[in-house]
Protein backbone atom coordinates (compact mmCIF):
# COMPACT_ATOMS: atom_id res chain seq x y z
CA MET A 1 31.56 28.71 -6.65
CA SER A 2 27.85 29.44 -6.90
CA ILE A 3 26.40 31.63 -9.65
CA LYS A 4 25.13 35.13 -8.76
CA LEU A 5 21.53 35.93 -9.62
CA GLU A 6 22.56 38.90 -11.58
CA ASN A 7 24.76 36.72 -13.87
CA VAL A 8 21.89 34.55 -15.10
CA LYS A 9 20.98 35.36 -18.72
CA GLY A 10 18.05 37.75 -19.07
CA ILE A 11 17.84 38.79 -15.37
CA GLY A 12 19.71 42.12 -15.37
CA LYS A 13 17.83 44.85 -13.50
CA LYS A 14 15.12 42.40 -12.57
CA ALA A 15 17.43 40.94 -9.92
CA LYS A 16 16.36 43.69 -7.47
CA THR A 17 12.65 42.83 -7.99
CA LEU A 18 13.33 39.13 -7.51
CA LYS A 19 15.36 39.69 -4.31
CA GLU A 20 12.66 41.95 -2.78
CA ALA A 21 10.19 39.01 -3.36
CA GLY A 22 12.59 36.63 -1.53
CA ILE A 23 13.98 35.02 -4.62
CA ASP A 24 17.60 35.80 -3.88
CA THR A 25 19.40 32.70 -5.35
CA VAL A 26 19.57 30.93 -8.64
CA GLU A 27 18.26 27.83 -6.95
CA LYS A 28 15.19 29.53 -5.70
CA LEU A 29 14.52 31.04 -9.16
CA ALA A 30 14.87 27.64 -10.78
CA GLU A 31 12.27 26.14 -8.33
CA VAL A 32 9.73 29.03 -8.24
CA LYS A 33 6.28 28.47 -9.69
CA LEU A 34 5.48 30.31 -12.93
CA GLU A 35 2.21 31.77 -11.52
CA ASP A 36 4.07 33.26 -8.55
CA LEU A 37 6.73 34.86 -10.71
CA ILE A 38 4.29 36.64 -13.10
CA GLU A 39 2.70 38.32 -10.07
CA LEU A 40 5.83 40.48 -9.83
CA LYS A 41 5.87 43.88 -11.36
CA GLY A 42 7.30 44.05 -14.90
CA ILE A 43 7.53 40.31 -15.38
CA GLY A 44 5.21 38.80 -17.96
CA ASN A 45 4.39 35.17 -18.71
CA THR A 46 6.96 34.71 -21.44
CA THR A 47 9.76 36.51 -19.56
CA ALA A 48 8.99 34.57 -16.39
CA GLN A 49 9.30 31.23 -18.16
CA LYS A 50 12.60 32.24 -19.75
CA MET A 51 13.96 33.28 -16.38
CA ILE A 52 13.13 29.90 -14.85
CA ASP A 53 14.55 28.00 -17.85
CA ASN A 54 17.79 30.10 -17.88
CA ALA A 55 18.24 29.55 -14.07
CA LYS A 56 17.92 25.81 -14.56
CA GLU A 57 20.29 25.83 -17.41
CA ALA A 58 22.86 27.84 -15.41
CA LEU A 59 22.67 25.33 -12.57
CA GLN A 60 23.16 22.44 -14.98
CA GLN A 61 26.23 24.14 -16.41
CA GLU A 62 27.69 24.76 -13.00
CA SER A 63 27.12 21.13 -12.07
CA GLY A 64 28.95 19.99 -15.25
CA GLU A 65 31.90 22.27 -14.50
CA ASN A 66 32.13 20.99 -10.93
CA GLU A 67 32.25 17.39 -12.20
CA ALA A 68 34.98 18.32 -14.60
CA GLU A 69 37.00 19.91 -11.73
CA THR A 70 36.55 17.05 -9.32
CA GLY A 71 36.86 14.35 -11.97
CA GLU A 72 33.54 12.75 -10.82
CA LYS A 73 31.41 11.20 -13.42
CA PRO A 74 27.81 9.89 -13.48
CA GLU A 75 29.20 6.35 -13.59
CA GLN A 76 31.10 7.00 -10.40
CA GLU A 77 28.08 8.46 -8.68
CA GLU A 78 26.06 5.45 -9.68
CA SER A 79 28.71 3.17 -8.37
CA ILE A 80 28.68 5.02 -5.03
CA LYS A 81 24.86 4.66 -4.82
CA GLU A 82 25.12 0.93 -5.55
CA ALA A 83 27.79 0.53 -2.91
CA GLU A 84 25.49 2.31 -0.32
CA GLU A 85 22.56 0.12 -1.29
CA GLU A 86 24.68 -3.01 -0.90
CA LYS A 87 25.83 -1.75 2.47
CA LYS A 88 22.21 -1.39 3.64
CA ILE A 89 21.36 -4.86 2.39
CA GLN A 90 24.29 -6.41 4.24
CA GLU A 91 23.39 -4.49 7.51
CA GLU A 92 19.80 -5.84 7.19
CA ILE A 93 21.07 -9.38 6.57
CA LYS A 94 23.31 -9.04 9.71
CA ARG A 95 20.36 -7.70 11.73
CA LEU A 96 18.14 -10.67 10.70
CA GLU A 97 20.92 -13.14 11.48
CA GLU A 98 21.43 -11.63 15.01
CA LYS A 99 17.60 -11.75 15.54
CA LYS A 100 17.47 -15.35 14.44
CA ALA A 101 20.33 -16.28 16.81
CA ARG A 102 18.52 -14.50 19.67
CA LEU A 103 15.18 -16.37 19.03
CA GLN A 104 16.60 -19.73 17.98
CA GLY A 105 14.97 -22.58 20.08
CA LYS A 106 12.92 -20.20 22.23
CA LYS A 107 9.33 -21.05 22.80
CA VAL A 108 6.78 -18.71 21.33
CA GLU A 109 4.65 -16.92 23.91
CA GLU A 110 1.01 -16.05 23.86
CA GLY A 111 0.57 -12.58 22.31
CA ASP A 112 3.65 -12.81 20.11
CA PHE A 113 3.30 -11.45 16.57
CA VAL A 114 4.74 -14.09 14.22
CA LEU A 115 5.02 -15.14 10.56
CA VAL A 116 4.32 -18.79 9.79
CA LYS A 117 5.17 -20.63 6.60
CA VAL A 118 2.27 -22.99 5.84
CA THR A 119 1.57 -25.80 3.41
CA ALA A 120 -2.01 -27.13 3.71
CA ARG A 121 -3.42 -30.39 2.14
CA THR A 122 -6.87 -32.04 2.06
CA GLN A 123 -7.35 -35.66 3.10
CA LYS A 124 -6.93 -36.62 -0.58
CA GLY A 125 -3.51 -34.88 -0.71
CA LYS A 126 -4.58 -31.80 -2.69
CA ILE A 127 -2.52 -28.73 -1.77
CA PHE A 128 -4.67 -25.58 -1.35
CA ARG A 129 -2.51 -23.20 0.70
CA VAL A 130 1.25 -22.35 0.43
CA SER A 131 3.35 -19.42 1.58
CA THR A 132 5.59 -18.69 -1.48
CA GLU A 133 4.94 -18.21 -5.23
CA GLU A 134 7.57 -20.82 -5.89
CA ASP A 135 5.65 -23.43 -3.88
CA ALA A 136 2.40 -22.36 -5.56
CA LYS A 137 3.88 -23.06 -8.98
CA LYS A 138 5.20 -26.45 -7.86
CA ALA A 139 1.76 -27.32 -6.48
CA GLY A 140 0.05 -26.16 -9.68
CA ILE A 141 -2.14 -23.65 -7.90
CA PHE A 142 -0.32 -20.41 -8.89
CA ASP A 143 -2.59 -17.56 -10.00
CA GLU A 144 -1.18 -14.23 -11.08
CA LYS A 145 -4.13 -12.24 -9.70
CA LYS A 146 -3.84 -13.97 -6.32
CA ALA A 147 -0.06 -13.34 -6.32
CA GLN A 148 -0.62 -9.62 -6.83
CA GLN A 149 -3.04 -9.63 -3.86
CA GLY A 150 -0.30 -11.12 -1.67
CA TYR A 151 -2.07 -14.49 -1.32
CA PHE A 152 1.08 -16.60 -1.51
CA THR A 153 2.79 -15.20 1.61
CA PRO A 154 3.43 -16.40 5.19
CA GLU A 155 0.52 -16.26 7.65
CA PHE A 156 0.54 -13.30 10.04
CA VAL A 157 -0.61 -14.59 13.40
CA ILE A 158 -0.91 -13.37 17.00
CA VAL A 159 -0.15 -16.47 19.07
CA GLY A 160 -3.18 -17.67 21.06
CA LYS A 161 -5.58 -15.18 19.46
CA LEU A 162 -8.56 -16.49 17.41
CA GLY A 163 -9.52 -14.79 14.13
CA PHE A 164 -6.16 -15.27 12.33
CA VAL A 165 -6.12 -19.08 11.72
CA ASN A 166 -8.44 -21.96 12.66
CA GLU A 167 -8.74 -23.25 16.26
CA GLY A 168 -6.51 -26.28 15.67
CA LEU A 169 -3.61 -24.12 14.32
CA THR A 170 -4.10 -21.57 17.11
CA GLU A 171 -3.62 -24.32 19.74
CA THR A 172 -0.66 -25.83 17.75
CA PHE A 173 1.37 -22.57 17.56
CA LYS A 174 1.24 -22.17 21.33
CA GLU A 175 3.29 -25.41 21.66
CA MET A 176 5.97 -24.47 19.11
CA ASN A 177 9.46 -22.88 19.18
CA TYR A 178 10.85 -20.24 16.88
CA PHE A 179 12.10 -21.76 13.59
CA GLU A 180 10.66 -25.15 14.47
CA LYS A 181 9.14 -27.29 11.75
CA LYS A 182 6.09 -29.35 12.54
CA SER A 183 3.52 -31.52 10.73
CA VAL A 184 0.02 -31.76 12.20
CA ARG A 185 -3.41 -33.20 11.20
CA ILE A 186 -6.30 -30.98 12.31
CA PRO A 187 -9.72 -32.65 12.66
CA PRO A 188 -12.86 -31.14 10.98
CA THR A 189 -14.14 -29.80 14.34
CA LYS A 190 -11.04 -27.60 14.77
CA ALA A 191 -10.45 -26.90 11.07
CA PHE A 192 -13.37 -25.89 8.80
CA GLY A 193 -16.13 -27.53 10.82
CA LYS A 194 -18.40 -30.48 10.30
CA ARG A 195 -20.73 -30.59 7.30
CA ASP A 196 -24.16 -29.30 8.31
CA PRO A 197 -27.16 -30.61 6.33
CA GLN A 198 -29.06 -27.47 7.49
CA LYS A 199 -26.71 -25.34 5.38
CA ILE A 200 -27.85 -26.91 2.16
CA GLU A 201 -30.70 -25.06 0.38
CA ARG A 202 -32.93 -25.89 -2.61
CA ILE A 203 -34.04 -22.85 -4.52
CA GLY A 204 -36.47 -22.77 -7.43
CA ILE A 205 -34.73 -21.77 -10.74
CA ALA A 206 -37.00 -18.78 -11.31
CA LYS A 207 -36.22 -17.41 -7.79
CA PHE A 208 -32.53 -18.23 -8.22
CA ARG A 209 -32.35 -16.20 -11.48
CA LYS A 210 -33.80 -13.13 -9.60
CA LEU A 211 -31.16 -13.57 -6.90
CA ASN A 212 -28.39 -14.18 -9.54
CA GLU A 213 -28.83 -10.96 -11.63
CA GLY A 214 -31.14 -12.83 -14.11
CA LYS A 215 -28.51 -15.44 -14.93
CA ASN A 216 -29.02 -19.19 -14.98
CA PRO A 217 -27.24 -21.37 -12.45
CA GLU A 218 -23.91 -23.07 -13.21
CA ILE A 219 -22.68 -26.03 -11.24
CA GLY A 220 -19.63 -24.98 -9.21
CA GLN A 221 -20.37 -21.30 -9.31
CA ASP A 222 -20.02 -19.15 -6.16
CA PHE A 223 -23.33 -17.73 -5.00
CA VAL A 224 -23.94 -15.01 -2.39
CA LYS A 225 -27.41 -14.72 -0.80
CA GLN A 226 -28.35 -11.51 0.98
CA THR A 227 -30.63 -11.92 3.98
CA GLN A 228 -31.62 -9.12 6.35
CA GLY A 229 -28.46 -7.13 5.63
CA GLN A 230 -26.20 -10.23 6.04
CA SER A 231 -24.56 -12.15 3.22
CA GLN A 232 -24.29 -15.95 3.00
CA ARG A 233 -21.72 -17.43 0.61
CA GLY A 234 -22.20 -20.79 -0.96
CA THR A 235 -21.56 -22.99 -4.00
CA VAL A 236 -24.07 -24.32 -6.56
CA THR A 237 -23.58 -28.15 -6.33
CA ASN A 238 -26.41 -29.37 -8.54
CA VAL A 239 -29.58 -28.52 -10.50
CA LEU A 240 -32.22 -31.19 -9.92
CA GLN A 241 -35.89 -31.28 -10.91
CA GLY A 242 -36.23 -27.54 -11.41
CA ARG A 243 -34.37 -26.73 -8.20
CA VAL A 244 -30.91 -25.24 -7.59
CA ILE A 245 -28.87 -26.98 -4.85
CA VAL A 246 -26.72 -24.45 -2.98
CA ASP A 247 -24.30 -25.62 -0.28
CA TYR A 248 -23.36 -22.92 2.30
CA ASN A 249 -20.90 -25.21 4.13
CA HIS A 250 -17.24 -24.27 3.75
CA PRO A 251 -15.83 -26.25 0.77
CA LEU A 252 -13.37 -28.06 3.13
CA ALA A 253 -16.01 -28.70 5.93
CA GLY A 254 -16.02 -32.29 7.14
CA GLN A 255 -12.38 -32.94 6.22
CA SER A 256 -9.26 -33.34 8.35
CA ILE A 257 -6.48 -31.03 7.10
CA ASP A 258 -2.76 -31.84 7.05
CA TYR A 259 -0.36 -28.94 7.69
CA ASN A 260 3.35 -28.51 7.39
CA LEU A 261 4.29 -25.54 9.58
CA GLU A 262 7.38 -23.42 10.37
CA ILE A 263 7.51 -20.27 12.46
CA ILE A 264 9.93 -18.07 10.55
CA ASN A 265 9.94 -14.65 12.23
CA LYS A 266 8.77 -12.59 15.14
CA ILE A 267 7.34 -9.15 14.36
CA GLU A 268 8.59 -6.76 17.07
CA ASP A 269 8.66 -3.25 15.46
CA PHE A 270 5.56 -1.13 15.94
CA ASP A 271 5.52 0.14 12.37
CA GLU A 272 5.96 -3.33 10.99
CA LYS A 273 3.02 -4.59 12.99
CA ILE A 274 0.88 -1.79 11.51
CA GLU A 275 1.99 -2.85 8.01
CA TYR A 276 1.07 -6.52 8.57
CA PHE A 277 -2.39 -5.63 9.88
CA MET A 278 -2.92 -3.62 6.71
CA LEU A 279 -1.69 -6.48 4.54
CA ASN A 280 -4.02 -8.81 6.45
CA LYS A 281 -6.96 -6.57 5.54
CA GLY A 282 -6.15 -6.91 1.82
CA ILE A 283 -4.26 -3.68 1.14
CA PRO A 284 -1.62 -4.57 -1.55
CA LYS A 285 1.99 -4.41 -0.24
CA GLU A 286 3.12 -2.02 -2.95
CA ASN A 287 0.40 0.56 -1.88
CA ILE A 288 0.93 0.50 1.85
CA SER A 289 3.77 3.04 1.76
CA GLU A 290 1.26 5.47 0.08
CA PHE A 291 -0.74 5.55 3.34
CA LYS A 292 0.94 8.26 5.43
CA ILE A 293 0.94 7.13 9.11
CA ASN A 294 1.40 9.44 12.02
CA TYR A 295 1.48 7.99 15.60
CA ILE A 296 0.92 10.51 18.38
CA LYS A 297 2.32 8.64 21.42
CA LYS A 298 1.14 11.05 24.13
CA GLU A 299 -2.45 10.79 22.92
CA LYS A 300 -2.23 7.13 21.98
CA THR A 301 -3.69 8.16 18.61
CA LEU A 302 -2.90 6.66 15.19
CA GLU A 303 -3.61 8.97 12.22
CA ILE A 304 -3.72 7.44 8.69
CA ILE A 305 -3.92 9.70 5.62
CA VAL A 306 -5.72 7.78 2.83
CA PRO A 307 -3.89 8.17 -0.52
CA LYS A 308 -5.75 9.76 -3.48
CA MET A 309 -6.08 6.48 -5.41
CA PHE A 310 -8.24 5.04 -2.60
CA LEU A 311 -10.45 8.06 -1.96
CA PHE A 312 -13.23 6.95 -4.22
CA GLN A 313 -13.13 3.24 -3.20
CA ASN A 314 -15.41 1.89 -0.56
CA LEU A 315 -13.02 1.24 2.32
CA THR A 316 -15.63 1.32 5.08
CA TYR A 317 -15.23 -2.30 6.16
CA ILE A 318 -11.42 -2.24 5.83
CA LYS A 319 -11.19 0.96 7.92
CA PHE A 320 -13.53 -0.42 10.59
CA GLY A 321 -11.61 -3.72 10.63
CA LEU A 322 -8.26 -2.08 10.99
CA ALA A 323 -9.46 0.19 13.72
CA MET A 324 -10.73 -2.85 15.62
CA ASP A 325 -7.48 -4.74 15.12
CA PHE A 326 -5.33 -1.80 16.30
CA GLN A 327 -7.52 -1.11 19.38
CA THR A 328 -7.76 -4.84 20.28
CA HIS A 329 -4.28 -6.14 19.66
CA LEU A 330 -2.26 -2.94 20.20
CA SER A 331 -4.46 -1.61 23.03
CA GLU A 332 -1.45 -0.50 25.14
CA GLU A 333 -0.28 1.86 22.36
CA ILE A 334 -3.51 2.83 20.58
CA ASP A 335 -6.80 4.23 21.78
CA ASP A 336 -8.08 6.21 18.87
CA VAL A 337 -7.66 5.59 15.10
CA LYS A 338 -8.27 8.48 12.72
CA PHE A 339 -8.56 8.05 8.95
CA ILE A 340 -7.95 11.35 7.17
CA GLU A 341 -9.16 11.94 3.61
CA ILE A 342 -7.91 15.06 1.84
CA TYR A 343 -9.85 16.19 -1.25
CA GLU A 344 -7.74 18.95 -2.93
CA LYS A 345 -9.48 21.79 -4.63
CA ILE A 346 -9.86 21.30 -8.35
CA PRO A 347 -8.88 24.48 -10.21
CA LEU A 348 -11.82 25.85 -12.23
CA SER A 349 -11.37 26.89 -15.88
CA PRO A 350 -11.37 30.67 -16.17
CA THR A 351 -14.54 32.31 -17.59
CA PRO A 352 -14.05 34.03 -21.01
CA SER A 353 -13.94 37.49 -19.33
CA GLU A 354 -11.20 36.29 -16.91
CA SER A 355 -9.24 34.81 -19.88
CA VAL A 356 -9.32 38.15 -21.75
CA MET A 357 -8.22 40.15 -18.69
CA GLN A 358 -5.34 37.71 -18.09
CA LYS A 359 -4.11 38.20 -21.65
CA VAL A 360 -4.40 42.01 -21.26
CA GLU A 361 -2.32 41.90 -18.04
CA GLU A 362 0.31 39.71 -19.73
CA TYR A 363 0.52 42.14 -22.65
CA ASN A 364 0.93 45.11 -20.35
CA LYS A 365 3.70 43.45 -18.39
CA GLU A 366 5.62 42.52 -21.51
CA LYS A 367 5.18 46.05 -22.82
CA GLU A 368 6.54 47.50 -19.60
CA GLU A 369 9.56 45.17 -19.82
CA LYS A 370 10.27 46.26 -23.42
CA ASP A 371 10.07 49.95 -22.41
CA GLU A 372 12.51 49.35 -19.61
CA VAL A 373 14.99 47.65 -21.96
CA LYS A 374 14.79 50.60 -24.34
CA GLU A 375 15.53 53.06 -21.50
């Protein structure tokens, strides 16, 4: 049986005022904001806080009594929650098993969204790419920072579309079946390209320091050169006769690459595709759920509300890249992409005169309340 508003400690005649303001239950009183409550006639700051606290206490007491009557205990409730979670897990496992049975042995088709487990080795047998943290640890290439960025995960690929993996792998996936395992060697021309002598530059040490924030060169360091608004990434390979040798070729250029591949899943759900595009652009998996996504089907518009924690980060290239991906690869569903940034108003500190007036109002309300009690 629910508690009446009048029966909450300290309410008394104030129940009428509360009900006129729409606060007609104990639950509403417990959830009302303090600043809204003190706006009501005859209710000061201290009294308002006591009312809210007493309402919450009354609800807790009622909850305890109900538990005693029904015999339910927190442990039982926790057990029920665990059972529900386990049920969801089992349902998801069953769904995945049914999906696997449906796709088993079927040839992938151009345009399919797939996940691929990859292990990549150089000609000398050095592993540089894996799809699980466990494999990264076995190969001795595990890095905590890369793990947090989702580096050791399966490749997200649209079969037959360039821009996700190199040309050789793009061609290979078109010839595979779901859940098939395959080993291939990709030549340099279809992997990371041939080594180009024109991409090796010799820079005077003084000039290099200016381009390198005043720092001296270090062999093996990454170096980015800005030219006419474009950046060129290279590696310092040597310092010879007062000149810094920078190689702008890909570190694996000129090498054939050995791959072990397995197509492990097909991404069919619209929301899941959106999530993988965001992962592909470097948004951490644990933060994706904080982006509120609204798809307006009739207008073929995707709205994305950027979370507070990303508002002051430079997401220009990420947003542009995502919009291009959605409009290119989900063109039948999406025309326009809107990124919405909400900057909430920051409450200003009251001026001295406002603070004094607030205290005077609080005093007058408390005085009125005391006078009513005496009457």
